[in-house]
Every structure is written in C-alpha cells, then in structure tokens.
Protein backbone atom coordinates (compact mmCIF):
# COMPACT_ATOMS: atom_id res chain seq x y z
CA MET A 1 49.78 193.70 -31.34
CA TYR A 2 48.43 190.65 -29.47
CA ARG A 3 50.41 189.97 -26.33
CA GLY A 4 49.13 188.48 -23.09
CA VAL A 5 45.96 186.65 -22.03
CA TYR A 6 42.73 186.66 -24.04
CA THR A 7 39.92 184.77 -22.35
CA ALA A 8 37.74 182.46 -24.45
CA LEU A 9 34.64 183.40 -22.50
CA VAL A 10 31.84 180.97 -21.66
CA THR A 11 28.24 181.94 -22.38
CA PRO A 12 26.03 181.69 -19.29
CA PHE A 13 22.40 180.65 -19.72
CA ASN A 14 19.25 181.08 -17.67
CA ALA A 15 17.02 178.15 -16.69
CA ASP A 16 14.96 178.75 -19.86
CA TYR A 17 18.20 178.51 -21.93
CA SER A 18 18.21 182.21 -22.80
CA VAL A 19 21.48 184.12 -22.46
CA ASP A 20 22.01 185.26 -18.87
CA GLU A 21 23.02 188.88 -19.47
CA ALA A 22 23.64 189.70 -15.81
CA ALA A 23 26.00 186.74 -15.37
CA LEU A 24 27.73 187.53 -18.66
CA ARG A 25 28.47 191.06 -17.50
CA LYS A 26 29.75 189.72 -14.18
CA LEU A 27 32.09 187.34 -16.00
CA VAL A 28 33.47 190.19 -18.09
CA ASP A 29 34.21 192.26 -14.99
CA TYR A 30 35.90 189.28 -13.32
CA GLN A 31 38.19 188.96 -16.32
CA ILE A 32 38.98 192.67 -16.50
CA ASP A 33 39.66 192.77 -12.76
CA GLY A 34 41.97 189.78 -13.31
CA GLY A 35 44.07 191.81 -15.73
CA VAL A 36 43.44 190.03 -19.03
CA GLN A 37 44.26 191.87 -22.24
CA GLY A 38 41.15 190.78 -24.07
CA ILE A 39 37.86 188.89 -24.11
CA VAL A 40 36.97 186.41 -26.85
CA PRO A 41 33.20 185.88 -26.87
CA MET A 42 31.44 183.35 -29.07
CA GLY A 43 34.21 180.89 -29.68
CA THR A 44 33.74 177.17 -29.08
CA THR A 45 34.02 177.82 -25.34
CA GLY A 46 31.08 180.21 -25.70
CA GLU A 47 28.97 177.38 -27.18
CA SER A 48 28.79 179.16 -30.51
CA PRO A 49 27.52 176.04 -32.34
CA THR A 50 24.24 176.14 -30.37
CA VAL A 51 23.40 179.84 -30.26
CA THR A 52 21.46 181.58 -33.01
CA HIS A 53 23.15 184.15 -35.19
CA ASP A 54 21.15 186.90 -33.47
CA GLU A 55 22.25 185.63 -30.05
CA ASN A 56 25.86 185.48 -31.25
CA ILE A 57 25.86 189.18 -32.13
CA ASP A 58 23.90 190.09 -29.01
CA VAL A 59 26.49 188.40 -26.78
CA ILE A 60 29.25 190.30 -28.58
CA ARG A 61 27.30 193.55 -28.12
CA ILE A 62 26.89 192.92 -24.37
CA VAL A 63 30.57 192.08 -23.96
CA VAL A 64 31.64 195.20 -25.88
CA ASP A 65 29.34 197.33 -23.73
CA GLN A 66 30.60 195.84 -20.46
CA VAL A 67 34.26 195.97 -21.46
CA ALA A 68 33.79 199.68 -22.22
CA GLY A 69 37.18 200.06 -23.84
CA ARG A 70 39.11 198.41 -21.01
CA ALA A 71 40.32 195.48 -23.14
CA GLU A 72 40.21 194.06 -26.63
CA VAL A 73 37.08 192.23 -27.77
CA ILE A 74 37.98 189.55 -30.33
CA ALA A 75 34.59 188.42 -31.58
CA GLY A 76 34.01 184.87 -32.73
CA THR A 77 32.19 185.22 -36.06
CA GLY A 78 33.56 182.25 -37.98
CA SER A 79 31.56 179.81 -40.07
CA ASN A 80 32.07 177.04 -42.59
CA SER A 81 30.13 179.31 -44.95
CA THR A 82 32.32 182.18 -46.11
CA ALA A 83 29.32 184.38 -46.88
CA GLU A 84 27.93 183.83 -43.37
CA ALA A 85 31.29 184.59 -41.77
CA VAL A 86 31.47 187.84 -43.74
CA ARG A 87 27.94 188.82 -42.68
CA MET A 88 28.59 188.08 -39.01
CA THR A 89 31.93 189.88 -39.07
CA LYS A 90 30.32 193.02 -40.47
CA LEU A 91 27.70 192.89 -37.71
CA ALA A 92 30.40 192.42 -35.06
CA ALA A 93 32.18 195.49 -36.39
CA GLU A 94 28.94 197.47 -36.16
CA VAL A 95 28.49 196.63 -32.45
CA GLY A 96 32.07 197.62 -31.62
CA ALA A 97 34.26 194.50 -31.63
CA THR A 98 37.94 195.38 -31.96
CA ALA A 99 38.93 192.21 -33.84
CA THR A 100 37.46 189.01 -35.18
CA LEU A 101 38.27 185.34 -34.56
CA GLN A 102 37.84 183.17 -37.64
CA VAL A 103 37.85 179.42 -37.23
CA THR A 104 38.97 177.11 -40.00
CA PRO A 105 35.87 176.05 -41.98
CA TYR A 106 34.59 172.85 -40.43
CA TYR A 107 32.98 169.80 -42.00
CA ASN A 108 33.36 170.82 -45.66
CA LYS A 109 37.18 170.33 -45.51
CA PRO A 110 38.33 172.84 -48.15
CA THR A 111 41.64 172.62 -49.98
CA GLN A 112 44.53 174.86 -48.94
CA GLU A 113 43.66 177.22 -51.80
CA GLY A 114 40.06 177.20 -50.61
CA LEU A 115 41.21 178.10 -47.10
CA TYR A 116 43.28 180.95 -48.45
CA ALA A 117 40.34 182.32 -50.42
CA HIS A 118 37.99 181.92 -47.43
CA PHE A 119 40.13 183.90 -44.98
CA CYS A 120 41.12 186.57 -47.51
CA THR A 121 37.48 187.16 -48.43
CA ILE A 122 36.60 187.74 -44.77
CA ALA A 123 39.66 189.92 -44.19
CA ASP A 124 38.70 192.06 -47.18
CA ALA A 125 35.16 192.60 -45.89
CA THR A 126 35.92 194.92 -42.93
CA GLU A 127 38.81 196.81 -41.38
CA LEU A 128 38.78 194.59 -38.28
CA PRO A 129 42.04 192.78 -37.50
CA MET A 130 41.55 189.04 -38.00
CA VAL A 131 42.82 186.29 -35.71
CA ILE A 132 42.90 183.02 -37.65
CA TYR A 133 41.94 179.99 -35.57
CA ASN A 134 43.60 176.71 -36.53
CA ILE A 135 42.09 173.77 -34.64
CA PRO A 136 42.09 170.66 -36.82
CA GLY A 137 40.87 168.46 -33.96
CA ARG A 138 37.52 170.27 -34.14
CA THR A 139 37.37 171.10 -37.84
CA ALA A 140 39.08 168.12 -39.53
CA CYS A 141 41.11 170.61 -41.56
CA ASN A 142 44.62 171.94 -40.88
CA ILE A 143 45.97 175.25 -42.18
CA GLU A 144 49.40 174.26 -43.48
CA THR A 145 52.32 176.59 -42.81
CA ASP A 146 52.71 177.69 -46.44
CA THR A 147 49.07 178.77 -46.43
CA MET A 148 49.38 180.50 -43.06
CA ILE A 149 52.38 182.52 -44.23
CA ARG A 150 50.49 183.60 -47.34
CA LEU A 151 47.57 184.69 -45.15
CA ALA A 152 49.91 186.52 -42.77
CA ALA A 153 50.79 188.90 -45.61
CA HIS A 154 47.22 190.26 -45.66
CA THR A 155 46.95 193.71 -44.09
CA ASN A 156 44.11 192.65 -41.77
CA ALA A 157 45.58 189.28 -40.74
CA ALA A 158 46.92 190.06 -37.27
CA ALA A 159 47.54 186.72 -35.57
CA VAL A 160 46.88 183.00 -35.45
CA LYS A 161 45.35 181.13 -32.56
CA GLU A 162 47.30 177.90 -32.95
CA ALA A 163 45.57 174.85 -31.47
CA SER A 164 46.84 172.08 -33.71
CA GLY A 165 48.96 170.62 -30.91
CA ASN A 166 51.70 170.18 -33.51
CA MET A 167 54.79 171.83 -32.04
CA ALA A 168 56.75 171.34 -35.26
CA GLN A 169 54.13 173.39 -37.06
CA VAL A 170 54.20 176.04 -34.31
CA MET A 171 57.97 176.37 -34.72
CA ASP A 172 57.67 176.56 -38.49
CA VAL A 173 55.12 179.38 -38.32
CA CYS A 174 57.15 181.29 -35.71
CA ALA A 175 60.28 181.00 -37.83
CA ARG A 176 58.66 182.10 -41.10
CA ARG A 177 55.96 184.62 -40.12
CA PRO A 178 56.38 188.26 -41.13
CA ALA A 179 56.87 191.02 -38.57
CA GLY A 180 53.58 192.08 -37.02
CA PHE A 181 51.88 188.69 -37.29
CA ASP A 182 51.48 187.19 -33.81
CA LEU A 183 51.09 183.60 -32.71
CA LEU A 184 48.82 182.87 -29.75
CA SER A 185 48.56 179.51 -28.05
CA GLY A 186 45.13 177.98 -28.42
CA ASP A 187 45.86 175.31 -25.82
CA ASP A 188 46.43 176.26 -22.17
CA ASN A 189 48.48 173.13 -21.64
CA LEU A 190 51.01 174.21 -24.31
CA THR A 191 51.14 177.92 -23.48
CA LEU A 192 54.56 177.86 -21.82
CA PRO A 193 56.40 175.94 -24.57
CA ILE A 194 54.69 178.01 -27.29
CA LEU A 195 55.74 181.24 -25.59
CA ALA A 196 59.29 179.93 -25.28
CA LEU A 197 59.31 179.25 -29.03
CA GLY A 198 58.16 182.74 -29.96
CA GLY A 199 54.46 182.97 -29.21
CA SER A 200 53.15 186.18 -27.66
CA GLY A 201 50.15 185.04 -25.63
CA VAL A 202 47.24 182.68 -25.23
CA VAL A 203 43.54 182.49 -25.98
CA SER A 204 42.74 180.76 -22.72
CA VAL A 205 39.94 178.63 -21.34
CA ALA A 206 41.69 178.34 -17.97
CA SER A 207 41.60 182.11 -17.47
CA ASN A 208 37.82 181.87 -17.05
CA ILE A 209 38.75 180.42 -13.66
CA ALA A 210 42.16 181.95 -12.88
CA PRO A 211 42.82 185.10 -14.94
CA LYS A 212 45.45 186.54 -12.61
CA LEU A 213 47.48 183.34 -12.47
CA MET A 214 47.34 182.96 -16.24
CA GLY A 215 48.51 186.55 -16.58
CA GLU A 216 51.43 185.87 -14.23
CA LEU A 217 52.39 182.76 -16.20
CA VAL A 218 52.35 184.57 -19.54
CA GLY A 219 54.09 187.62 -18.13
CA ALA A 220 56.88 185.54 -16.61
CA ALA A 221 57.42 183.62 -19.84
CA LEU A 222 57.48 186.76 -21.97
CA ALA A 223 60.03 188.24 -19.55
CA GLN A 224 62.04 185.01 -19.99
CA ASP A 225 61.74 184.23 -16.28
CA TYR A 226 61.32 180.57 -17.08
CA GLN A 227 61.73 179.30 -13.54
CA ARG A 228 58.78 181.41 -12.38
CA ALA A 229 56.81 180.48 -15.50
CA ARG A 230 57.51 176.79 -14.94
CA ASP A 231 56.37 176.98 -11.32
CA LEU A 232 53.12 178.62 -12.40
CA HIS A 233 52.65 176.11 -15.22
CA TYR A 234 52.81 173.18 -12.82
CA ARG A 235 50.61 174.94 -10.29
CA LEU A 236 48.00 175.39 -13.03
CA LEU A 237 48.51 172.02 -14.72
CA PRO A 238 45.65 170.29 -12.85
CA LEU A 239 43.35 173.06 -14.09
CA PHE A 240 44.65 172.73 -17.66
CA GLN A 241 43.93 169.01 -17.53
CA GLY A 242 40.61 169.35 -15.75
CA ILE A 243 39.02 171.80 -18.17
CA PHE A 244 39.40 169.20 -20.89
CA LEU A 245 38.41 166.19 -18.79
CA ARG A 246 35.27 166.17 -20.92
CA THR A 247 34.21 168.21 -23.94
CA ASN A 248 34.93 171.92 -23.54
CA PRO A 249 33.16 173.95 -22.12
CA ILE A 250 31.39 171.44 -19.86
CA PRO A 251 34.08 171.24 -17.13
CA VAL A 252 34.85 174.98 -17.08
CA LYS A 253 31.16 175.87 -16.78
CA HIS A 254 30.86 173.37 -13.94
CA MET A 255 33.79 175.10 -12.22
CA LEU A 256 32.29 178.57 -12.69
CA ALA A 257 28.98 177.33 -11.29
CA ALA A 258 30.82 175.96 -8.25
CA MET A 259 32.35 179.43 -7.81
CA GLY A 260 28.86 180.97 -7.87
CA MET A 261 29.51 182.86 -11.10
CA ILE A 262 26.91 181.21 -13.35
CA GLU A 263 24.16 178.62 -13.37
CA GLU A 264 25.31 175.25 -14.68
CA ILE A 265 23.19 175.17 -17.80
CA TYR A 266 24.21 173.91 -21.23
CA ARG A 267 22.42 173.65 -24.53
CA LEU A 268 22.09 170.22 -26.07
CA PRO A 269 23.94 168.25 -27.23
CA LEU A 270 26.17 169.27 -24.30
CA ILE A 271 25.09 167.82 -20.96
CA PRO A 272 26.33 168.14 -17.35
CA LEU A 273 29.16 166.04 -15.96
CA ASP A 274 28.25 162.76 -14.31
CA GLU A 275 28.87 162.38 -10.57
CA VAL A 276 32.33 160.84 -10.94
CA ASP A 277 33.62 163.52 -13.31
CA ALA A 278 31.98 166.29 -11.28
CA ALA A 279 33.79 165.13 -8.14
CA ALA A 280 37.10 165.08 -10.01
CA VAL A 281 36.57 168.60 -11.34
CA ASP A 282 35.47 169.87 -7.91
CA ALA A 283 38.71 168.55 -6.44
CA ILE A 284 40.69 170.51 -9.03
CA VAL A 285 38.89 173.75 -8.15
CA LYS A 286 39.85 173.24 -4.52
CA ARG A 287 43.51 172.66 -5.46
CA VAL A 288 43.80 175.61 -7.85
CA ARG A 289 42.13 178.51 -6.14
CA PRO A 290 40.83 181.36 -8.33
CA GLU A 291 43.14 183.71 -6.47
C-alpha cells in the first residue's frame, strides 16, 4: 500500500509566527510536481511540538485541500497522551486525511504492553490506516519487534516508519511482518539499504529539497537497479548529511528559504543556524541542485 516517497513537510511561518498558508500551498505543489506519492504534514519536521492543536489540524486541512486527491496525506496526529492522539486522529479524518502517522509516546516511556495498548486504541478509533513511527532517538522508547509484529496484525495498521537506525531490527521486522504491512525508512541516509532489505519507501526530509531525485533513488532501488540507486545515493549523500547538521528541521528550512520557497522563521526553542553552519548548508544546496 505504501510504496515510494512521502515527504515529511516543513511548516512555513510568517514574521508574526503564524502559519504561512500561501507558502504551505506552494510547498505542496512543489512536492506533487516532483512526483512524490504522499505528503506527511505535522511530523517532527513540521515542528509539531510547537504548534497548537488547532494549528495542527488547520495545517492538515490546508494540505488536504491543496493536494486535492493527487497524493496521500498521512497526517501527524501522535501524542504521548493516547486520548489526545485519538482526538486529533478523529479530527484529521474529518478534514480528509487519508492516513495517520503515530509517533511512539515520548517522555513517559511506556512498557511494550503499554505501547501495544496505545497504538491499538488509536487504530480502533477511526478507519484511517495507521503508520506507526518508531524513533527512539527522539522518544527514548523503542518498539521492539515482537510488539511491532503484534501491532501489524491490526486491520488498520498499514506500515511502520522505521527510524531507529538499528539495521538488525529493520531486518527482523522485514522478515517477520505479515503481508500487507509495509516498512518505510524514516532516515534518508539509510533509505537505500532499507529498500534493499525489503522496505518499500521512505518518509523523507530530503525530498523537501529534491523530490524528483528522491523519487528516482527509490524507484531505482525498488526496480533492483542498484547501480543507479547507488549513484543517486552518493549524489544525495551531502544533502542527507546536511539536513541533520543541526536539529531537524532547522537546516532544511534554511535550505528552503535559500531557494525562495519560505521565510526562514522557526518557533522557539528552535533558532536559526549560526554563520558557520549556514555557510556549510548553503554549500550543500549549491552541490545538490533541486533539479
């Protein structure tokens, strides 16, 4: 079901820190024109920790409206509160999202049984397909393979966005998952090896900048044209490294601002790059052209 490139979209802001709707719509069109299979608004890359709940749903609504059925919209509605995640997921369904992205509960560090109950409760709440997001580096909590396989049996559990960086775990999930449960890379840098091991796509930060090139990379790997995929991987490697030079999404928003797509505005506690880091990121943009 989930195969290809799904862009973890940034959220552009105006000078008064309100959501810049015009820029957001322009970003969506840039992604659609670049051939991505889906847009993922309101993930970490969309600065979800610093928007209000109303803004979160409004951004999803705008993205759904601008996509206009041309791609999937996998709405970030996760929370460390199960009840809040359920509420937000129901609202996302009402505004037309086609799936939901659910991050592992952060900070409260539930047990594996608690994780299972959390995700199943959300999956039971609507008919939306659920993409489970495993990113222990951000949440301090890893979804172990046994738990993931149990979750994969749920009718509405469609895929996992795997960003643990643990390739042994990736292999284990790929080997044991049931038919119809997809594995998406959650790390641009590891997209090629994850696809070679059985993944079907990527939720990408890099595609904010280079959607067509990311699509070519994923397409080549899925077609098992590994020489072409490898060439594209190394062409894009400076971008993969640069977008995480500092905390995501600071570098990628700096790049988009340099491309004239958005204003370089963040909400605290995120702040702009210093001069040294900005120069390094600018050099990367010049090396990896956005097509």
